[in-house]
Structure formats: structure tokens, C-alpha cells
Amino acid sequence: MRALKLFHSGLVTAAVLTCGAMASGREGALGFIRKEHQTLITLLRQAPSASREAQVDNALSNLVDYEEFARRSFGQPCPPSRPSCTNHWATLSAAQRAEVTPLMKKLVMKTERKNVLKTLDYDVDYKGERELDAASTVRMEARSKTKPRDPPLQIDYVVAANGGSWHVIDIVTEGSSRTKNYYEQFNRMLSDPEQGYPYVVTKLKENIAKKDSDPTAAERSKAKGSK
């Protein structure tokens, strides 16, 4: 009987420790997003300079796992809402992967940079997180300061631990997954005999160039006005 009680006590202790570890992991994911997002906000509120740009790029690299983002955008693994898909990543050669990964990095970096910049005029609140398979989803809500009656913008950061560090592997805005949207676009291009991989590279470069062409004057005004 004593042995049985000790056995049950051990199970309870193990369960408590496991739950504590899980809670700690969840808190870590939420704390990670909060800290990295605040770092970006602080940097983007500074006047534009070469030094600031380098720090913003570094902060974004700490936030996002670009290689995992690229793999998921090409169907490895399939988007959660699709039970099956074509794993285009597996069909790319090593040279092609080495070409598209930095392009995806530039696109995601510029897109997320501008999205964070928009939140300078918003009140940001973190609504907790939930576990999703091997990842955690951290929800952030941003409400306009100038139009407080407008519905808040909902952004879910899908975060996974890789090598002991948290990184974002997908961003879901208003229910729309970034990697799923990229996959749908790439899948259409790669499935079209008249387009294929060269067309994917061309469109990626065009999209990056479009983001580069956005005026910086508006950003400078917003950054100063948000202090």
C-alpha cells in the first residue's frame, strides 16, 4: 500500500512538473513576441539612419526563422488548412533553394517591417497564446489610436523553438496565413508549364522592388510623430 501511495505521489509530482514546464514554455513564447515586437517599435520610432536600419534587420532576424518560412511557403509541410499539397520544396535543387531563401528573407523582412511600422499608431495588446502541434500561437491585437471604434487588427504569430530559441515560422493576419498565401501563389506558378521556377524568382524580385520603392518620407514623419 505504501509503495502504491508513493507511486501515485510520484505521478502527481511528475504531472505538476510537466505542466509547469509547459506553462513556462508558453510564457516564454508570449514573452518572446512581446520583447521582440517592442524592440522593433522602439527602433522604428527613431529617425531613419544606416545604423537604425542595420539594427532593425538584426531584430527581424531574431524574430523570424526565414529558412523555415521559405520551406513552408513551398509546401514543406503543407499549410494546416490543407490536408495535402505538393511539396515543391523537395523538388527544388540545392542551387534553387539557395536562391529563393534569401529572396524570401528580403520579402518577409520588408513586409513585417512595414507591418510593425503601422502599429506605431496603434495600441497593442497581447491576448495570450495556445499550443498548436509543436508550435505555439501568440495572439496580438492592435487598435487604432485615431479610430478607436474600429475593430482591432488581429495578428497571430506562430512560434516554434529551434535550437533552444524561439522563432516565428508563420504570421496569420485576420485569419490569413502568410505562408499559406505564398504557397498558393507559388503552387500556381510552379504548376503552370509556361511559368515555373524562373517565373517565381521574377515575381519575388518584383515584389521586393515594389516594397523598396515606397517613400521613406512618410515613415520619417510617422516615426517622429509617434514618439
C-alpha atoms as a PDB file:
ATOM      1  CA  MET A   1       0.000   0.000   0.000  1.00  0.00           C
ATOM      2  CA  ARG A   2       2.818   2.391   0.908  1.00  0.00           C
ATOM      3  CA  ALA A   3       4.527   1.613  -2.386  1.00  0.00           C
ATOM      4  CA  LEU A   4       1.273   2.331  -4.226  1.00  0.00           C
ATOM      5  CA  LYS A   5       0.921   5.677  -2.448  1.00  0.00           C
ATOM      6  CA  LEU A   6       4.490   6.580  -3.331  1.00  0.00           C
ATOM      7  CA  PHE A   7       3.836   5.593  -6.946  1.00  0.00           C
ATOM      8  CA  HIS A   8       0.752   7.840  -7.134  1.00  0.00           C
ATOM      9  CA  SER A   9       2.655  10.642  -5.391  1.00  0.00           C
ATOM     10  CA  GLY A  10       5.395  10.328  -7.983  1.00  0.00           C
ATOM     11  CA  LEU A  11       2.856  10.551 -10.792  1.00  0.00           C
ATOM     12  CA  VAL A  12       1.319  13.679  -9.302  1.00  0.00           C
ATOM     13  CA  THR A  13       4.740  15.278  -8.880  1.00  0.00           C
ATOM     14  CA  ALA A  14       5.694  14.418 -12.451  1.00  0.00           C
ATOM     15  CA  ALA A  15       2.407  15.835 -13.744  1.00  0.00           C
ATOM     16  CA  VAL A  16       2.917  19.067 -11.819  1.00  0.00           C
ATOM     17  CA  LEU A  17       6.465  19.417 -13.130  1.00  0.00           C
ATOM     18  CA  THR A  18       5.331  18.676 -16.688  1.00  0.00           C
ATOM     19  CA  CYS A  19       2.509  21.224 -16.502  1.00  0.00           C
ATOM     20  CA  GLY A  20       4.918  23.739 -15.022  1.00  0.00           C
ATOM     21  CA  ALA A  21       7.378  23.183 -17.846  1.00  0.00           C
ATOM     22  CA  MET A  22       4.600  23.552 -20.425  1.00  0.00           C
ATOM     23  CA  ALA A  23       3.383  26.740 -18.788  1.00  0.00           C
ATOM     24  CA  SER A  24       6.941  28.057 -18.725  1.00  0.00           C
ATOM     25  CA  GLY A  25       7.275  27.288 -22.441  1.00  0.00           C
ATOM     26  CA  ARG A  26       4.048  29.086 -23.243  1.00  0.00           C
ATOM     27  CA  GLU A  27       5.083  32.091 -21.171  1.00  0.00           C
ATOM     28  CA  GLY A  28       8.405  32.037 -22.997  1.00  0.00           C
ATOM     29  CA  ALA A  29       6.708  32.248 -26.400  1.00  0.00           C
ATOM     30  CA  LEU A  30       4.479  35.128 -25.314  1.00  0.00           C
ATOM     31  CA  GLY A  31       7.363  36.930 -23.654  1.00  0.00           C
ATOM     32  CA  PHE A  32       9.488  36.422 -26.764  1.00  0.00           C
ATOM     33  CA  ILE A  33       6.923  38.051 -29.067  1.00  0.00           C
ATOM     34  CA  ARG A  34       6.280  40.901 -26.651  1.00  0.00           C
ATOM     35  CA  LYS A  35      10.013  41.627 -26.250  1.00  0.00           C
ATOM     36  CA  GLU A  36      10.926  41.398 -29.941  1.00  0.00           C
ATOM     37  CA  HIS A  37       7.923  43.446 -31.051  1.00  0.00           C
ATOM     38  CA  GLN A  38       8.736  46.162 -28.528  1.00  0.00           C
ATOM     39  CA  THR A  39      12.352  46.194 -29.718  1.00  0.00           C
ATOM     40  CA  LEU A  40      11.175  46.793 -33.287  1.00  0.00           C
ATOM     41  CA  ILE A  41       8.752  49.527 -32.216  1.00  0.00           C
ATOM     42  CA  THR A  42      11.497  51.304 -30.280  1.00  0.00           C
ATOM     43  CA  LEU A  43      13.881  51.148 -33.237  1.00  0.00           C
ATOM     44  CA  LEU A  44      11.291  52.248 -35.816  1.00  0.00           C
ATOM     45  CA  ARG A  45      10.400  55.283 -33.717  1.00  0.00           C
ATOM     46  CA  GLN A  46      13.938  56.535 -34.159  1.00  0.00           C
ATOM     47  CA  ALA A  47      14.876  58.788 -37.059  1.00  0.00           C
ATOM     48  CA  PRO A  48      15.938  56.756 -40.123  1.00  0.00           C
ATOM     49  CA  SER A  49      19.675  56.117 -40.380  1.00  0.00           C
ATOM     50  CA  ALA A  50      22.029  53.425 -41.618  1.00  0.00           C
ATOM     51  CA  SER A  51      22.642  52.315 -38.046  1.00  0.00           C
ATOM     52  CA  ARG A  52      18.934  52.020 -37.321  1.00  0.00           C
ATOM     53  CA  GLU A  53      18.326  50.020 -40.494  1.00  0.00           C
ATOM     54  CA  ALA A  54      21.018  47.526 -39.517  1.00  0.00           C
ATOM     55  CA  GLN A  55      19.513  47.171 -36.043  1.00  0.00           C
ATOM     56  CA  VAL A  56      16.006  46.681 -37.478  1.00  0.00           C
ATOM     57  CA  ASP A  57      17.274  43.972 -39.833  1.00  0.00           C
ATOM     58  CA  ASN A  58      19.035  42.259 -36.946  1.00  0.00           C
ATOM     59  CA  ALA A  59      15.910  42.435 -34.751  1.00  0.00           C
ATOM     60  CA  LEU A  60      13.791  40.947 -37.549  1.00  0.00           C
ATOM     61  CA  SER A  61      16.321  38.134 -37.957  1.00  0.00           C
ATOM     62  CA  ASN A  62      15.971  37.407 -34.243  1.00  0.00           C
ATOM     63  CA  LEU A  63      12.197  37.310 -34.684  1.00  0.00           C
ATOM     64  CA  VAL A  64      11.688  35.219 -37.841  1.00  0.00           C
ATOM     65  CA  ASP A  65      13.125  31.866 -38.950  1.00  0.00           C
ATOM     66  CA  TYR A  66      13.433  32.772 -42.635  1.00  0.00           C
ATOM     67  CA  GLU A  67      14.550  29.328 -43.773  1.00  0.00           C
ATOM     68  CA  GLU A  68      11.548  27.656 -42.141  1.00  0.00           C
ATOM     69  CA  PHE A  69       9.317  30.387 -43.570  1.00  0.00           C
ATOM     70  CA  ALA A  70      10.640  29.609 -47.060  1.00  0.00           C
ATOM     71  CA  ARG A  71      10.181  25.843 -46.663  1.00  0.00           C
ATOM     72  CA  ARG A  72       6.581  26.248 -45.527  1.00  0.00           C
ATOM     73  CA  SER A  73       5.848  28.686 -48.341  1.00  0.00           C
ATOM     74  CA  PHE A  74       6.876  25.988 -50.821  1.00  0.00           C
ATOM     75  CA  GLY A  75       4.824  23.241 -49.171  1.00  0.00           C
ATOM     76  CA  GLN A  76       7.063  21.623 -46.558  1.00  0.00           C
ATOM     77  CA  PRO A  77       4.968  20.970 -44.555  1.00  0.00           C
ATOM     78  CA  CYS A  78       1.541  21.599 -46.081  1.00  0.00           C
ATOM     79  CA  PRO A  79      -0.424  24.581 -44.729  1.00  0.00           C
ATOM     80  CA  PRO A  80      -2.544  23.466 -41.722  1.00  0.00           C
ATOM     81  CA  SER A  81      -5.797  24.150 -43.568  1.00  0.00           C
ATOM     82  CA  ARG A  82      -4.764  21.871 -46.463  1.00  0.00           C
ATOM     83  CA  PRO A  83      -4.808  18.123 -45.799  1.00  0.00           C
ATOM     84  CA  SER A  84      -2.485  17.556 -48.740  1.00  0.00           C
ATOM     85  CA  CYS A  85      -0.356  19.627 -51.080  1.00  0.00           C
ATOM     86  CA  THR A  86       2.583  19.401 -53.447  1.00  0.00           C
ATOM     87  CA  ASN A  87       5.917  19.602 -51.656  1.00  0.00           C
ATOM     88  CA  HIS A  88       7.600  21.957 -54.106  1.00  0.00           C
ATOM     89  CA  TRP A  89      10.483  22.467 -51.694  1.00  0.00           C
ATOM     90  CA  ALA A  90      11.512  18.843 -52.217  1.00  0.00           C
ATOM     91  CA  THR A  91      11.578  19.391 -55.991  1.00  0.00           C
ATOM     92  CA  LEU A  92      13.888  22.408 -55.835  1.00  0.00           C
ATOM     93  CA  SER A  93      17.588  21.824 -56.370  1.00  0.00           C
ATOM     94  CA  ALA A  94      20.125  22.930 -53.783  1.00  0.00           C
ATOM     95  CA  ALA A  95      21.011  25.890 -56.008  1.00  0.00           C
ATOM     96  CA  GLN A  96      17.354  26.902 -56.341  1.00  0.00           C
ATOM     97  CA  ARG A  97      16.811  26.701 -52.584  1.00  0.00           C
ATOM     98  CA  ALA A  98      19.911  28.824 -52.066  1.00  0.00           C
ATOM     99  CA  GLU A  99      18.455  31.373 -54.493  1.00  0.00           C
ATOM    100  CA  VAL A 100      14.874  31.621 -53.208  1.00  0.00           C
ATOM    101  CA  THR A 101      15.635  31.548 -49.468  1.00  0.00           C
ATOM    102  CA  PRO A 102      17.386  34.957 -49.372  1.00  0.00           C
ATOM    103  CA  LEU A 103      14.684  36.352 -51.664  1.00  0.00           C
ATOM    104  CA  MET A 104      12.018  35.115 -49.265  1.00  0.00           C
ATOM    105  CA  LYS A 105      14.025  36.613 -46.419  1.00  0.00           C
ATOM    106  CA  LYS A 106      14.047  40.021 -48.089  1.00  0.00           C
ATOM    107  CA  LEU A 107      10.319  39.854 -48.857  1.00  0.00           C
ATOM    108  CA  VAL A 108       9.273  38.727 -45.374  1.00  0.00           C
ATOM    109  CA  MET A 109      11.654  41.189 -43.726  1.00  0.00           C
ATOM    110  CA  LYS A 110      10.335  44.162 -45.690  1.00  0.00           C
ATOM    111  CA  THR A 111       6.711  43.104 -45.255  1.00  0.00           C
ATOM    112  CA  GLU A 112       6.992  42.603 -41.498  1.00  0.00           C
ATOM    113  CA  ARG A 113       8.971  45.803 -41.106  1.00  0.00           C
ATOM    114  CA  LYS A 114       6.185  47.818 -42.709  1.00  0.00           C
ATOM    115  CA  ASN A 115       3.516  45.969 -40.733  1.00  0.00           C
ATOM    116  CA  VAL A 116       5.235  46.768 -37.435  1.00  0.00           C
ATOM    117  CA  LEU A 117       5.669  50.356 -38.582  1.00  0.00           C
ATOM    118  CA  LYS A 118       1.898  50.622 -38.992  1.00  0.00           C
ATOM    119  CA  THR A 119       1.351  49.638 -35.365  1.00  0.00           C
ATOM    120  CA  LEU A 120       3.172  52.754 -34.174  1.00  0.00           C
ATOM    121  CA  ASP A 121      -0.215  54.484 -34.362  1.00  0.00           C
ATOM    122  CA  TYR A 122      -1.964  51.608 -32.577  1.00  0.00           C
ATOM    123  CA  ASP A 123      -2.437  50.452 -29.018  1.00  0.00           C
ATOM    124  CA  VAL A 124      -1.011  46.932 -28.893  1.00  0.00           C
ATOM    125  CA  ASP A 125      -2.321  44.242 -26.568  1.00  0.00           C
ATOM    126  CA  TYR A 126      -1.289  40.589 -26.228  1.00  0.00           C
ATOM    127  CA  LYS A 127      -4.216  38.201 -25.801  1.00  0.00           C
ATOM    128  CA  GLY A 128      -2.325  35.128 -24.722  1.00  0.00           C
ATOM    129  CA  GLU A 129      -1.353  32.033 -26.626  1.00  0.00           C
ATOM    130  CA  ARG A 130      -2.349  28.497 -27.446  1.00  0.00           C
ATOM    131  CA  GLU A 131      -0.472  25.383 -28.401  1.00  0.00           C
ATOM    132  CA  LEU A 132      -0.673  24.172 -31.991  1.00  0.00           C
ATOM    133  CA  ASP A 133       1.060  20.846 -32.607  1.00  0.00           C
ATOM    134  CA  ALA A 134       4.757  21.507 -31.977  1.00  0.00           C
ATOM    135  CA  ALA A 135       4.316  25.288 -32.058  1.00  0.00           C
ATOM    136  CA  SER A 136       2.576  27.984 -30.040  1.00  0.00           C
ATOM    137  CA  THR A 137       0.358  30.723 -31.430  1.00  0.00           C
ATOM    138  CA  VAL A 138       0.649  34.115 -29.757  1.00  0.00           C
ATOM    139  CA  ARG A 139      -2.222  36.495 -30.477  1.00  0.00           C
ATOM    140  CA  MET A 140      -1.653  40.228 -30.695  1.00  0.00           C
ATOM    141  CA  GLU A 141      -4.381  42.846 -31.149  1.00  0.00           C
ATOM    142  CA  ALA A 142      -3.664  46.350 -32.425  1.00  0.00           C
ATOM    143  CA  ARG A 143      -6.317  49.061 -32.116  1.00  0.00           C
ATOM    144  CA  SER A 144      -6.060  52.392 -33.916  1.00  0.00           C
ATOM    145  CA  LYS A 145      -5.438  55.358 -31.626  1.00  0.00           C
ATOM    146  CA  THR A 146      -7.070  57.739 -34.085  1.00  0.00           C
ATOM    147  CA  LYS A 147     -10.062  55.475 -34.789  1.00  0.00           C
ATOM    148  CA  PRO A 148     -10.629  53.610 -31.508  1.00  0.00           C
ATOM    149  CA  ARG A 149     -14.087  52.424 -32.582  1.00  0.00           C
ATOM    150  CA  ASP A 150     -12.685  50.466 -35.499  1.00  0.00           C
ATOM    151  CA  PRO A 151     -12.307  46.694 -34.901  1.00  0.00           C
ATOM    152  CA  PRO A 152      -8.804  45.810 -33.702  1.00  0.00           C
ATOM    153  CA  LEU A 153      -6.371  44.169 -36.089  1.00  0.00           C
ATOM    154  CA  GLN A 154      -5.678  40.582 -35.023  1.00  0.00           C
ATOM    155  CA  ILE A 155      -2.256  39.097 -35.691  1.00  0.00           C
ATOM    156  CA  ASP A 156      -1.284  35.560 -34.698  1.00  0.00           C
ATOM    157  CA  TYR A 157       2.416  34.755 -34.519  1.00  0.00           C
ATOM    158  CA  VAL A 158       3.102  31.040 -34.933  1.00  0.00           C
ATOM    159  CA  VAL A 159       6.199  30.453 -32.831  1.00  0.00           C
ATOM    160  CA  ALA A 160       8.393  27.353 -32.518  1.00  0.00           C
ATOM    161  CA  ALA A 161      11.540  26.611 -30.557  1.00  0.00           C
ATOM    162  CA  ASN A 162      14.552  25.777 -32.699  1.00  0.00           C
ATOM    163  CA  GLY A 163      17.905  25.137 -31.069  1.00  0.00           C
ATOM    164  CA  GLY A 164      16.613  26.438 -27.758  1.00  0.00           C
ATOM    165  CA  SER A 165      15.470  29.762 -29.224  1.00  0.00           C
ATOM    166  CA  TRP A 166      12.009  30.939 -30.215  1.00  0.00           C
ATOM    167  CA  HIS A 167      11.371  31.998 -33.805  1.00  0.00           C
ATOM    168  CA  VAL A 168       8.300  32.934 -35.830  1.00  0.00           C
ATOM    169  CA  ILE A 169       7.525  30.381 -38.561  1.00  0.00           C
ATOM    170  CA  ASP A 170       4.255  31.879 -39.795  1.00  0.00           C
ATOM    171  CA  ILE A 171       2.198  35.049 -39.357  1.00  0.00           C
ATOM    172  CA  VAL A 172      -1.607  34.937 -39.542  1.00  0.00           C
ATOM    173  CA  THR A 173      -3.311  38.295 -40.080  1.00  0.00           C
ATOM    174  CA  GLU A 174      -7.089  38.403 -39.704  1.00  0.00           C
ATOM    175  CA  GLY A 175      -7.202  34.635 -40.226  1.00  0.00           C
ATOM    176  CA  SER A 176      -4.988  34.708 -43.325  1.00  0.00           C
ATOM    177  CA  SER A 177      -1.759  32.675 -43.079  1.00  0.00           C
ATOM    178  CA  ARG A 178       1.232  34.316 -44.733  1.00  0.00           C
ATOM    179  CA  THR A 179       2.954  31.043 -45.629  1.00  0.00           C
ATOM    180  CA  LYS A 180      -0.313  29.597 -46.984  1.00  0.00           C
ATOM    181  CA  ASN A 181      -0.825  32.655 -49.195  1.00  0.00           C
ATOM    182  CA  TYR A 182       2.723  32.349 -50.507  1.00  0.00           C
ATOM    183  CA  TYR A 183       2.226  28.627 -51.086  1.00  0.00           C
ATOM    184  CA  GLU A 184      -0.963  29.180 -53.100  1.00  0.00           C
ATOM    185  CA  GLN A 185       0.834  31.702 -55.306  1.00  0.00           C
ATOM    186  CA  PHE A 186       3.942  29.575 -55.784  1.00  0.00           C
ATOM    187  CA  ASN A 187       1.866  26.448 -56.403  1.00  0.00           C
ATOM    188  CA  ARG A 188       0.003  28.145 -59.272  1.00  0.00           C
ATOM    189  CA  MET A 189       3.239  29.389 -60.822  1.00  0.00           C
ATOM    190  CA  LEU A 190       5.125  26.108 -60.459  1.00  0.00           C
ATOM    191  CA  SER A 191       2.171  24.105 -61.786  1.00  0.00           C
ATOM    192  CA  ASP A 192       1.929  26.245 -64.923  1.00  0.00           C
ATOM    193  CA  PRO A 193       4.241  24.934 -67.705  1.00  0.00           C
ATOM    194  CA  GLU A 194       4.506  28.467 -69.110  1.00  0.00           C
ATOM    195  CA  GLN A 195       5.735  29.886 -65.802  1.00  0.00           C
ATOM    196  CA  GLY A 196       7.566  27.521 -63.481  1.00  0.00           C
ATOM    197  CA  TYR A 197      10.518  28.275 -61.219  1.00  0.00           C
ATOM    198  CA  PRO A 198      12.032  31.178 -63.259  1.00  0.00           C
ATOM    199  CA  TYR A 199       8.701  32.995 -63.023  1.00  0.00           C
ATOM    200  CA  VAL A 200       8.618  32.527 -59.244  1.00  0.00           C
ATOM    201  CA  VAL A 201      12.039  34.183 -58.959  1.00  0.00           C
ATOM    202  CA  THR A 202      10.948  37.036 -61.226  1.00  0.00           C
ATOM    203  CA  LYS A 203       7.800  37.716 -59.192  1.00  0.00           C
ATOM    204  CA  LEU A 204       9.722  37.596 -55.908  1.00  0.00           C
ATOM    205  CA  LYS A 205      12.197  40.173 -57.195  1.00  0.00           C
ATOM    206  CA  GLU A 206       9.341  42.360 -58.489  1.00  0.00           C
ATOM    207  CA  ASN A 207       7.559  42.268 -55.132  1.00  0.00           C
ATOM    208  CA  ILE A 208      10.758  43.141 -53.283  1.00  0.00           C
ATOM    209  CA  ALA A 209      11.374  46.059 -55.679  1.00  0.00           C
ATOM    210  CA  LYS A 210       7.833  47.353 -55.093  1.00  0.00           C
ATOM    211  CA  LYS A 211       8.405  47.442 -51.363  1.00  0.00           C
ATOM    212  CA  ASP A 212      11.739  49.200 -51.903  1.00  0.00           C
ATOM    213  CA  SER A 213      10.006  51.901 -53.954  1.00  0.00           C
ATOM    214  CA  ASP A 214       7.728  53.005 -51.099  1.00  0.00           C
ATOM    215  CA  PRO A 215       8.614  56.563 -49.996  1.00  0.00           C
ATOM    216  CA  THR A 216      10.607  56.935 -46.783  1.00  0.00           C
ATOM    217  CA  ALA A 217       9.345  60.453 -46.071  1.00  0.00           C
ATOM    218  CA  ALA A 218       6.061  59.105 -44.731  1.00  0.00           C
ATOM    219  CA  GLU A 219       7.931  56.709 -42.482  1.00  0.00           C
ATOM    220  CA  ARG A 220      10.147  59.501 -41.155  1.00  0.00           C
ATOM    221  CA  SER A 221       7.083  61.618 -40.356  1.00  0.00           C
ATOM    222  CA  LYS A 222       5.317  58.714 -38.659  1.00  0.00           C
ATOM    223  CA  ALA A 223       8.367  57.741 -36.633  1.00  0.00           C
ATOM    224  CA  LYS A 224       8.816  61.280 -35.300  1.00  0.00           C
ATOM    225  CA  GLY A 225       5.121  61.759 -34.639  1.00  0.00           C
ATOM    226  CA  SER A 226       4.859  58.531 -32.652  1.00  0.00           C
ATOM    227  CA  LYS A 227       7.425  59.446 -30.012  1.00  0.00           C
END
